[in-house]
Amino acid sequence: MEERKEALQHRIVWTDRKRGNITGVTDVGSFDETTVILETDQGILTLKGKGLHIGKLSLEQGEVELDGVIESMVYTGSRPAKKGSVLKRLFR
C-alpha cells in the first residue's frame, strides 16, 4: 500500500531579518552565503542576503531554518509541475 503525502502548508516566519523558518519546502536547489534557492509548494523561492546559513533542514517535514541578513525574497513561477530537484531538471 502506498502512503500518500499530504500537501505541506507553506509559511515564512522571519525575526528581525536575521533568523527565519520556512515550511512547505520540497527541495533545496542551491545555497551559499548570499543566495538560497528553495523549491516550495508555492513555487521557487529565492532568498538573497549576507551571511546566509542553513541551520536546520528537514525535507521529510518540509522545513528549513535560516540565519543571516535577508535583503530580498522572490517567488518564481507557481506550484512546481514536476517532481525532482531544480538541478536534475536543468541537466536532463
PDB file of N, CA and C in Angstrom:
ATOM      1  N   MET A   1       0.841  -1.176   0.000  1.00  0.00           N
ATOM      2  CA  MET A   1       0.000   0.000   0.000  1.00  0.00           C
ATOM      3  C   MET A   1       0.890   1.244   0.000  1.00  0.00           C
ATOM      4  N   GLU A   2       0.571   2.166  -0.886  1.00  0.00           N
ATOM      5  CA  GLU A   2       1.348   3.389  -0.997  1.00  0.00           C
ATOM      6  C   GLU A   2       0.824   4.440  -0.029  1.00  0.00           C
ATOM      7  N   GLU A   3       1.736   5.109   0.631  1.00  0.00           N
ATOM      8  CA  GLU A   3       1.349   6.146   1.581  1.00  0.00           C
ATOM      9  C   GLU A   3       1.264   7.480   0.846  1.00  0.00           C
ATOM     10  N   ARG A   4       0.165   8.187   0.987  1.00  0.00           N
ATOM     11  CA  ARG A   4       0.002   9.498   0.343  1.00  0.00           C
ATOM     12  C   ARG A   4       0.591  10.572   1.219  1.00  0.00           C
ATOM     13  N   LYS A   5       1.354  11.451   0.587  1.00  0.00           N
ATOM     14  CA  LYS A   5       1.954  12.565   1.312  1.00  0.00           C
ATOM     15  C   LYS A   5       1.011  13.761   1.248  1.00  0.00           C
ATOM     16  N   GLU A   6       0.652  14.281   2.404  1.00  0.00           N
ATOM     17  CA  GLU A   6      -0.222  15.456   2.447  1.00  0.00           C
ATOM     18  C   GLU A   6       0.538  16.679   1.968  1.00  0.00           C
ATOM     19  N   ALA A   7      -0.184  17.610   1.364  1.00  0.00           N
ATOM     20  CA  ALA A   7       0.424  18.870   0.939  1.00  0.00           C
ATOM     21  C   ALA A   7       0.905  19.614   2.180  1.00  0.00           C
ATOM     22  N   LEU A   8       2.119  20.102   2.118  1.00  0.00           N
ATOM     23  CA  LEU A   8       2.693  20.825   3.238  1.00  0.00           C
ATOM     24  C   LEU A   8       2.221  22.264   3.222  1.00  0.00           C
ATOM     25  N   GLN A   9       1.869  22.780   4.378  1.00  0.00           N
ATOM     26  CA  GLN A   9       1.470  24.183   4.473  1.00  0.00           C
ATOM     27  C   GLN A   9       2.710  25.051   4.323  1.00  0.00           C
ATOM     28  N   HIS A  10       2.623  26.043   3.449  1.00  0.00           N
ATOM     29  CA  HIS A  10       3.763  26.925   3.203  1.00  0.00           C
ATOM     30  C   HIS A  10       3.639  28.160   4.080  1.00  0.00           C
ATOM     31  N   ARG A  11       4.697  28.394   4.872  1.00  0.00           N
ATOM     32  CA  ARG A  11       4.683  29.526   5.791  1.00  0.00           C
ATOM     33  C   ARG A  11       6.103  30.054   5.939  1.00  0.00           C
ATOM     34  N   ILE A  12       6.224  31.368   6.048  1.00  0.00           N
ATOM     35  CA  ILE A  12       7.514  32.012   6.293  1.00  0.00           C
ATOM     36  C   ILE A  12       7.389  32.850   7.557  1.00  0.00           C
ATOM     37  N   VAL A  13       8.285  32.594   8.513  1.00  0.00           N
ATOM     38  CA  VAL A  13       8.335  33.385   9.743  1.00  0.00           C
ATOM     39  C   VAL A  13       9.756  33.919   9.846  1.00  0.00           C
ATOM     40  N   TRP A  14       9.880  35.244   9.870  1.00  0.00           N
ATOM     41  CA  TRP A  14      11.205  35.861   9.915  1.00  0.00           C
ATOM     42  C   TRP A  14      11.272  36.800  11.098  1.00  0.00           C
ATOM     43  N   THR A  15      12.373  36.772  11.837  1.00  0.00           N
ATOM     44  CA  THR A  15      12.553  37.615  13.014  1.00  0.00           C
ATOM     45  C   THR A  15      13.728  38.552  12.792  1.00  0.00           C
ATOM     46  N   ASP A  16      13.454  39.843  12.804  1.00  0.00           N
ATOM     47  CA  ASP A  16      14.478  40.892  12.698  1.00  0.00           C
ATOM     48  C   ASP A  16      15.394  40.734  11.486  1.00  0.00           C
ATOM     49  N   ARG A  17      14.886  40.161  10.404  1.00  0.00           N
ATOM     50  CA  ARG A  17      15.653  39.949   9.171  1.00  0.00           C
ATOM     51  C   ARG A  17      16.925  39.145   9.390  1.00  0.00           C
ATOM     52  N   LYS A  18      17.032  38.437  10.534  1.00  0.00           N
ATOM     53  CA  LYS A  18      18.251  37.704  10.847  1.00  0.00           C
ATOM     54  C   LYS A  18      18.047  36.204  11.035  1.00  0.00           C
ATOM     55  N   ARG A  19      16.840  35.769  11.314  1.00  0.00           N
ATOM     56  CA  ARG A  19      16.590  34.350  11.571  1.00  0.00           C
ATOM     57  C   ARG A  19      15.196  34.020  11.085  1.00  0.00           C
ATOM     58  N   GLY A  20      15.079  32.890  10.381  1.00  0.00           N
ATOM     59  CA  GLY A  20      13.775  32.551   9.847  1.00  0.00           C
ATOM     60  C   GLY A  20      13.509  31.070   9.766  1.00  0.00           C
ATOM     61  N   ASN A  21      12.238  30.764   9.603  1.00  0.00           N
ATOM     62  CA  ASN A  21      11.767  29.393   9.464  1.00  0.00           C
ATOM     63  C   ASN A  21      10.812  29.364   8.281  1.00  0.00           C
ATOM     64  N   ILE A  22      11.034  28.435   7.361  1.00  0.00           N
ATOM     65  CA  ILE A  22      10.185  28.303   6.179  1.00  0.00           C
ATOM     66  C   ILE A  22       9.666  26.881   6.130  1.00  0.00           C
ATOM     67  N   THR A  23       8.348  26.722   5.984  1.00  0.00           N
ATOM     68  CA  THR A  23       7.748  25.400   5.853  1.00  0.00           C
ATOM     69  C   THR A  23       7.158  25.258   4.451  1.00  0.00           C
ATOM     70  N   GLY A  24       6.842  24.034   4.076  1.00  0.00           N
ATOM     71  CA  GLY A  24       6.319  23.766   2.745  1.00  0.00           C
ATOM     72  C   GLY A  24       7.430  23.644   1.717  1.00  0.00           C
ATOM     73  N   VAL A  25       8.658  23.390   2.179  1.00  0.00           N
ATOM     74  CA  VAL A  25       9.814  23.253   1.291  1.00  0.00           C
ATOM     75  C   VAL A  25       9.908  21.809   0.807  1.00  0.00           C
ATOM     76  N   THR A  26      10.018  21.643  -0.509  1.00  0.00           N
ATOM     77  CA  THR A  26      10.116  20.292  -1.069  1.00  0.00           C
ATOM     78  C   THR A  26      11.530  19.936  -1.507  1.00  0.00           C
ATOM     79  N   ASP A  27      12.382  20.943  -1.752  1.00  0.00           N
ATOM     80  CA  ASP A  27      13.757  20.680  -2.184  1.00  0.00           C
ATOM     81  C   ASP A  27      14.592  21.948  -2.045  1.00  0.00           C
ATOM     82  N   VAL A  28      15.906  21.775  -1.938  1.00  0.00           N
ATOM     83  CA  VAL A  28      16.838  22.895  -1.935  1.00  0.00           C
ATOM     84  C   VAL A  28      17.575  22.862  -3.261  1.00  0.00           C
ATOM     85  N   GLY A  29      17.403  23.907  -4.077  1.00  0.00           N
ATOM     86  CA  GLY A  29      18.062  23.978  -5.374  1.00  0.00           C
ATOM     87  C   GLY A  29      19.538  24.264  -5.225  1.00  0.00           C
ATOM     88  N   SER A  30      19.875  25.296  -4.458  1.00  0.00           N
ATOM     89  CA  SER A  30      21.271  25.642  -4.190  1.00  0.00           C
ATOM     90  C   SER A  30      21.321  26.610  -3.020  1.00  0.00           C
ATOM     91  N   PHE A  31      22.519  26.747  -2.458  1.00  0.00           N
ATOM     92  CA  PHE A  31      22.688  27.724  -1.385  1.00  0.00           C
ATOM     93  C   PHE A  31      24.160  28.094  -1.249  1.00  0.00           C
ATOM     94  N   ASP A  32      24.383  29.321  -0.860  1.00  0.00           N
ATOM     95  CA  ASP A  32      25.695  29.810  -0.458  1.00  0.00           C
ATOM     96  C   ASP A  32      25.455  30.974   0.498  1.00  0.00           C
ATOM     97  N   GLU A  33      26.478  31.743   0.801  1.00  0.00           N
ATOM     98  CA  GLU A  33      26.341  32.810   1.805  1.00  0.00           C
ATOM     99  C   GLU A  33      25.489  33.986   1.340  1.00  0.00           C
ATOM    100  N   THR A  34      25.230  34.105   0.033  1.00  0.00           N
ATOM    101  CA  THR A  34      24.459  35.242  -0.469  1.00  0.00           C
ATOM    102  C   THR A  34      23.118  34.861  -1.093  1.00  0.00           C
ATOM    103  N   THR A  35      22.931  33.591  -1.483  1.00  0.00           N
ATOM    104  CA  THR A  35      21.698  33.177  -2.159  1.00  0.00           C
ATOM    105  C   THR A  35      21.274  31.777  -1.722  1.00  0.00           C
ATOM    106  N   VAL A  36      19.988  31.631  -1.427  1.00  0.00           N
ATOM    107  CA  VAL A  36      19.408  30.326  -1.137  1.00  0.00           C
ATOM    108  C   VAL A  36      18.207  30.160  -2.060  1.00  0.00           C
ATOM    109  N   ILE A  37      18.158  29.049  -2.809  1.00  0.00           N
ATOM    110  CA  ILE A  37      17.037  28.771  -3.712  1.00  0.00           C
ATOM    111  C   ILE A  37      16.313  27.541  -3.197  1.00  0.00           C
ATOM    112  N   LEU A  38      15.023  27.735  -2.875  1.00  0.00           N
ATOM    113  CA  LEU A  38      14.203  26.665  -2.324  1.00  0.00           C
ATOM    114  C   LEU A  38      13.029  26.378  -3.245  1.00  0.00           C
ATOM    115  N   GLU A  39      12.715  25.103  -3.422  1.00  0.00           N
ATOM    116  CA  GLU A  39      11.509  24.715  -4.134  1.00  0.00           C
ATOM    117  C   GLU A  39      10.433  24.508  -3.074  1.00  0.00           C
ATOM    118  N   THR A  40       9.327  25.224  -3.205  1.00  0.00           N
ATOM    119  CA  THR A  40       8.246  25.145  -2.223  1.00  0.00           C
ATOM    120  C   THR A  40       6.959  24.710  -2.913  1.00  0.00           C
ATOM    121  N   ASP A  41       5.933  24.476  -2.121  1.00  0.00           N
ATOM    122  CA  ASP A  41       4.613  24.148  -2.652  1.00  0.00           C
ATOM    123  C   ASP A  41       4.058  25.267  -3.520  1.00  0.00           C
ATOM    124  N   GLN A  42       4.527  26.492  -3.304  1.00  0.00           N
ATOM    125  CA  GLN A  42       4.003  27.658  -3.999  1.00  0.00           C
ATOM    126  C   GLN A  42       4.909  28.157  -5.117  1.00  0.00           C
ATOM    127  N   GLY A  43       5.972  27.440  -5.441  1.00  0.00           N
ATOM    128  CA  GLY A  43       6.904  27.830  -6.493  1.00  0.00           C
ATOM    129  C   GLY A  43       8.323  27.919  -5.972  1.00  0.00           C
ATOM    130  N   ILE A  44       9.218  28.410  -6.812  1.00  0.00           N
ATOM    131  CA  ILE A  44      10.624  28.552  -6.433  1.00  0.00           C
ATOM    132  C   ILE A  44      10.793  29.849  -5.648  1.00  0.00           C
ATOM    133  N   LEU A  45      11.407  29.747  -4.475  1.00  0.00           N
ATOM    134  CA  LEU A  45      11.639  30.896  -3.610  1.00  0.00           C
ATOM    135  C   LEU A  45      13.140  31.169  -3.560  1.00  0.00           C
ATOM    136  N   THR A  46      13.535  32.380  -3.978  1.00  0.00           N
ATOM    137  CA  THR A  46      14.941  32.781  -3.948  1.00  0.00           C
ATOM    138  C   THR A  46      15.125  33.830  -2.862  1.00  0.00           C
ATOM    139  N   LEU A  47      16.029  33.536  -1.930  1.00  0.00           N
ATOM    140  CA  LEU A  47      16.348  34.466  -0.850  1.00  0.00           C
ATOM    141  C   LEU A  47      17.751  34.985  -1.085  1.00  0.00           C
ATOM    142  N   LYS A  48      17.912  36.301  -0.988  1.00  0.00           N
ATOM    143  CA  LYS A  48      19.235  36.909  -1.144  1.00  0.00           C
ATOM    144  C   LYS A  48      19.552  37.712   0.103  1.00  0.00           C
ATOM    145  N   GLY A  49      20.846  37.716   0.458  1.00  0.00           N
ATOM    146  CA  GLY A  49      21.257  38.436   1.641  1.00  0.00           C
ATOM    147  C   GLY A  49      22.736  38.285   1.901  1.00  0.00           C
ATOM    148  N   LYS A  50      23.101  38.391   3.175  1.00  0.00           N
ATOM    149  CA  LYS A  50      24.503  38.295   3.586  1.00  0.00           C
ATOM    150  C   LYS A  50      24.630  37.291   4.723  1.00  0.00           C
ATOM    151  N   GLY A  51      25.666  36.490   4.669  1.00  0.00           N
ATOM    152  CA  GLY A  51      25.936  35.530   5.742  1.00  0.00           C
ATOM    153  C   GLY A  51      24.850  34.493   5.917  1.00  0.00           C
ATOM    154  N   LEU A  52      24.200  34.083   4.827  1.00  0.00           N
ATOM    155  CA  LEU A  52      23.106  33.110   4.935  1.00  0.00           C
ATOM    156  C   LEU A  52      23.653  31.725   5.276  1.00  0.00           C
ATOM    157  N   HIS A  53      22.963  31.065   6.186  1.00  0.00           N
ATOM    158  CA  HIS A  53      23.392  29.755   6.670  1.00  0.00           C
ATOM    159  C   HIS A  53      22.152  28.916   6.967  1.00  0.00           C
ATOM    160  N   ILE A  54      22.131  27.691   6.475  1.00  0.00           N
ATOM    161  CA  ILE A  54      21.023  26.778   6.785  1.00  0.00           C
ATOM    162  C   ILE A  54      21.345  26.101   8.105  1.00  0.00           C
ATOM    163  N   GLY A  55      20.533  26.393   9.121  1.00  0.00           N
ATOM    164  CA  GLY A  55      20.746  25.827  10.443  1.00  0.00           C
ATOM    165  C   GLY A  55      20.122  24.458  10.594  1.00  0.00           C
ATOM    166  N   LYS A  56      18.934  24.278  10.014  1.00  0.00           N
ATOM    167  CA  LYS A  56      18.220  23.010  10.106  1.00  0.00           C
ATOM    168  C   LYS A  56      17.534  22.770   8.772  1.00  0.00           C
ATOM    169  N   LEU A  57      17.622  21.540   8.278  1.00  0.00           N
ATOM    170  CA  LEU A  57      16.953  21.169   7.043  1.00  0.00           C
ATOM    171  C   LEU A  57      16.289  19.822   7.247  1.00  0.00           C
ATOM    172  N   SER A  58      14.986  19.762   7.037  1.00  0.00           N
ATOM    173  CA  SER A  58      14.239  18.513   7.116  1.00  0.00           C
ATOM    174  C   SER A  58      13.255  18.487   5.951  1.00  0.00           C
ATOM    175  N   LEU A  59      13.645  17.829   4.858  1.00  0.00           N
ATOM    176  CA  LEU A  59      12.749  17.753   3.701  1.00  0.00           C
ATOM    177  C   LEU A  59      11.561  16.835   3.989  1.00  0.00           C
ATOM    178  N   GLU A  60      11.730  15.856   4.896  1.00  0.00           N
ATOM    179  CA  GLU A  60      10.612  14.995   5.269  1.00  0.00           C
ATOM    180  C   GLU A  60       9.479  15.807   5.893  1.00  0.00           C
ATOM    181  N   GLN A  61       9.864  16.798   6.705  1.00  0.00           N
ATOM    182  CA  GLN A  61       8.881  17.680   7.340  1.00  0.00           C
ATOM    183  C   GLN A  61       8.654  18.941   6.519  1.00  0.00           C
ATOM    184  N   GLY A  62       9.472  19.152   5.482  1.00  0.00           N
ATOM    185  CA  GLY A  62       9.336  20.330   4.633  1.00  0.00           C
ATOM    186  C   GLY A  62       9.733  21.618   5.315  1.00  0.00           C
ATOM    187  N   GLU A  63      10.756  21.547   6.174  1.00  0.00           N
ATOM    188  CA  GLU A  63      11.111  22.700   6.996  1.00  0.00           C
ATOM    189  C   GLU A  63      12.581  23.079   6.838  1.00  0.00           C
ATOM    190  N   VAL A  64      12.839  24.387   6.765  1.00  0.00           N
ATOM    191  CA  VAL A  64      14.195  24.927   6.705  1.00  0.00           C
ATOM    192  C   VAL A  64      14.301  26.081   7.686  1.00  0.00           C
ATOM    193  N   GLU A  65      15.375  26.095   8.461  1.00  0.00           N
ATOM    194  CA  GLU A  65      15.681  27.230   9.331  1.00  0.00           C
ATOM    195  C   GLU A  65      16.921  27.910   8.785  1.00  0.00           C
ATOM    196  N   LEU A  66      16.872  29.229   8.656  1.00  0.00           N
ATOM    197  CA  LEU A  66      17.973  30.012   8.101  1.00  0.00           C
ATOM    198  C   LEU A  66      18.412  31.097   9.071  1.00  0.00           C
ATOM    199  N   ASP A  67      19.718  31.393   9.034  1.00  0.00           N
ATOM    200  CA  ASP A  67      20.292  32.523   9.755  1.00  0.00           C
ATOM    201  C   ASP A  67      20.960  33.421   8.731  1.00  0.00           C
ATOM    202  N   GLY A  68      21.063  34.705   9.025  1.00  0.00           N
ATOM    203  CA  GLY A  68      21.723  35.651   8.142  1.00  0.00           C
ATOM    204  C   GLY A  68      20.823  36.841   7.876  1.00  0.00           C
ATOM    205  N   VAL A  69      21.372  37.843   7.228  1.00  0.00           N
ATOM    206  CA  VAL A  69      20.613  39.058   6.932  1.00  0.00           C
ATOM    207  C   VAL A  69      19.927  38.903   5.579  1.00  0.00           C
ATOM    208  N   ILE A  70      18.591  38.971   5.570  1.00  0.00           N
ATOM    209  CA  ILE A  70      17.816  38.838   4.336  1.00  0.00           C
ATOM    210  C   ILE A  70      17.617  40.213   3.715  1.00  0.00           C
ATOM    211  N   GLU A  71      17.939  40.302   2.423  1.00  0.00           N
ATOM    212  CA  GLU A  71      17.734  41.547   1.686  1.00  0.00           C
ATOM    213  C   GLU A  71      16.563  41.442   0.715  1.00  0.00           C
ATOM    214  N   SER A  72      16.266  40.217   0.231  1.00  0.00           N
ATOM    215  CA  SER A  72      15.100  40.059  -0.647  1.00  0.00           C
ATOM    216  C   SER A  72      14.634  38.613  -0.668  1.00  0.00           C
ATOM    217  N   MET A  73      13.325  38.455  -0.915  1.00  0.00           N
ATOM    218  CA  MET A  73      12.698  37.148  -1.122  1.00  0.00           C
ATOM    219  C   MET A  73      11.823  37.278  -2.354  1.00  0.00           C
ATOM    220  N   VAL A  74      12.041  36.384  -3.348  1.00  0.00           N
ATOM    221  CA  VAL A  74      11.302  36.468  -4.603  1.00  0.00           C
ATOM    222  C   VAL A  74      10.814  35.081  -4.995  1.00  0.00           C
ATOM    223  N   TYR A  75       9.523  35.002  -5.369  1.00  0.00           N
ATOM    224  CA  TYR A  75       8.960  33.763  -5.905  1.00  0.00           C
ATOM    225  C   TYR A  75       9.049  33.795  -7.425  1.00  0.00           C
ATOM    226  N   THR A  76       9.385  32.654  -8.008  1.00  0.00           N
ATOM    227  CA  THR A  76       9.398  32.500  -9.451  1.00  0.00           C
ATOM    228  C   THR A  76       8.424  31.392  -9.813  1.00  0.00           C
ATOM    229  N   GLY A  77       7.502  31.680 -10.705  1.00  0.00           N
ATOM    230  CA  GLY A  77       6.543  30.662 -11.119  1.00  0.00           C
ATOM    231  C   GLY A  77       5.513  30.388 -10.054  1.00  0.00           C
ATOM    232  N   SER A  78       4.773  29.320 -10.279  1.00  0.00           N
ATOM    233  CA  SER A  78       3.754  28.897  -9.325  1.00  0.00           C
ATOM    234  C   SER A  78       4.144  27.528  -8.812  1.00  0.00           C
ATOM    235  N   ARG A  79       3.176  26.755  -8.422  1.00  0.00           N
ATOM    236  CA  ARG A  79       3.458  25.422  -7.910  1.00  0.00           C
ATOM    237  C   ARG A  79       4.258  24.623  -8.929  1.00  0.00           C
ATOM    238  N   PRO A  80       5.274  23.900  -8.470  1.00  0.00           N
ATOM    239  CA  PRO A  80       6.064  23.109  -9.404  1.00  0.00           C
ATOM    240  C   PRO A  80       5.219  22.051 -10.102  1.00  0.00           C
ATOM    241  N   ALA A  81       5.392  21.933 -11.409  1.00  0.00           N
ATOM    242  CA  ALA A  81       4.620  20.970 -12.180  1.00  0.00           C
ATOM    243  C   ALA A  81       5.208  19.572 -12.091  1.00  0.00           C
ATOM    244  N   LYS A  82       6.527  19.473 -11.944  1.00  0.00           N
ATOM    245  CA  LYS A  82       7.199  18.180 -11.917  1.00  0.00           C
ATOM    246  C   LYS A  82       7.951  18.004 -10.623  1.00  0.00           C
ATOM    247  N   LYS A  83       8.073  16.740 -10.212  1.00  0.00           N
ATOM    248  CA  LYS A  83       8.860  16.440  -9.027  1.00  0.00           C
ATOM    249  C   LYS A  83      10.314  16.311  -9.410  1.00  0.00           C
ATOM    250  N   GLY A  84      11.198  16.431  -8.436  1.00  0.00           N
ATOM    251  CA  GLY A  84      12.634  16.343  -8.676  1.00  0.00           C
ATOM    252  C   GLY A  84      13.268  17.685  -8.415  1.00  0.00           C
ATOM    253  N   SER A  85      14.553  17.667  -8.174  1.00  0.00           N
ATOM    254  CA  SER A  85      15.232  18.914  -7.849  1.00  0.00           C
ATOM    255  C   SER A  85      15.392  19.797  -9.075  1.00  0.00           C
ATOM    256  N   VAL A  86      15.629  21.056  -8.823  1.00  0.00           N
ATOM    257  CA  VAL A  86      15.843  22.029  -9.885  1.00  0.00           C
ATOM    258  C   VAL A  86      17.047  21.609 -10.721  1.00  0.00           C
ATOM    259  N   LEU A  87      18.106  21.177 -10.060  1.00  0.00           N
ATOM    260  CA  LEU A  87      19.318  20.779 -10.772  1.00  0.00           C
ATOM    261  C   LEU A  87      19.087  19.571 -11.660  1.00  0.00           C
ATOM    262  N   LYS A  88      18.323  18.601 -11.198  1.00  0.00           N
ATOM    263  CA  LYS A  88      18.030  17.419 -12.011  1.00  0.00           C
ATOM    264  C   LYS A  88      17.289  17.805 -13.271  1.00  0.00           C
ATOM    265  N   ARG A  89      16.337  18.736 -13.146  1.00  0.00           N
ATOM    266  CA  ARG A  89      15.571  19.156 -14.324  1.00  0.00           C
ATOM    267  C   ARG A  89      16.425  19.965 -15.293  1.00  0.00           C
ATOM    268  N   LEU A  90      17.400  20.717 -14.771  1.00  0.00           N
ATOM    269  CA  LEU A  90      18.263  21.506 -15.634  1.00  0.00           C
ATOM    270  C   LEU A  90      19.204  20.653 -16.465  1.00  0.00           C
ATOM    271  N   PHE A  91      19.670  19.533 -15.896  1.00  0.00           N
ATOM    272  CA  PHE A  91      20.674  18.709 -16.564  1.00  0.00           C
ATOM    273  C   PHE A  91      20.113  17.420 -17.129  1.00  0.00           C
ATOM    274  N   ARG A  92      18.942  17.469 -17.721  1.00  0.00           N
ATOM    275  CA  ARG A  92      18.356  16.287 -18.369  1.00  0.00           C
ATOM    276  C   ARG A  92      19.048  15.992 -19.656  1.00  0.00           C
TER     277      ARG A  92
END
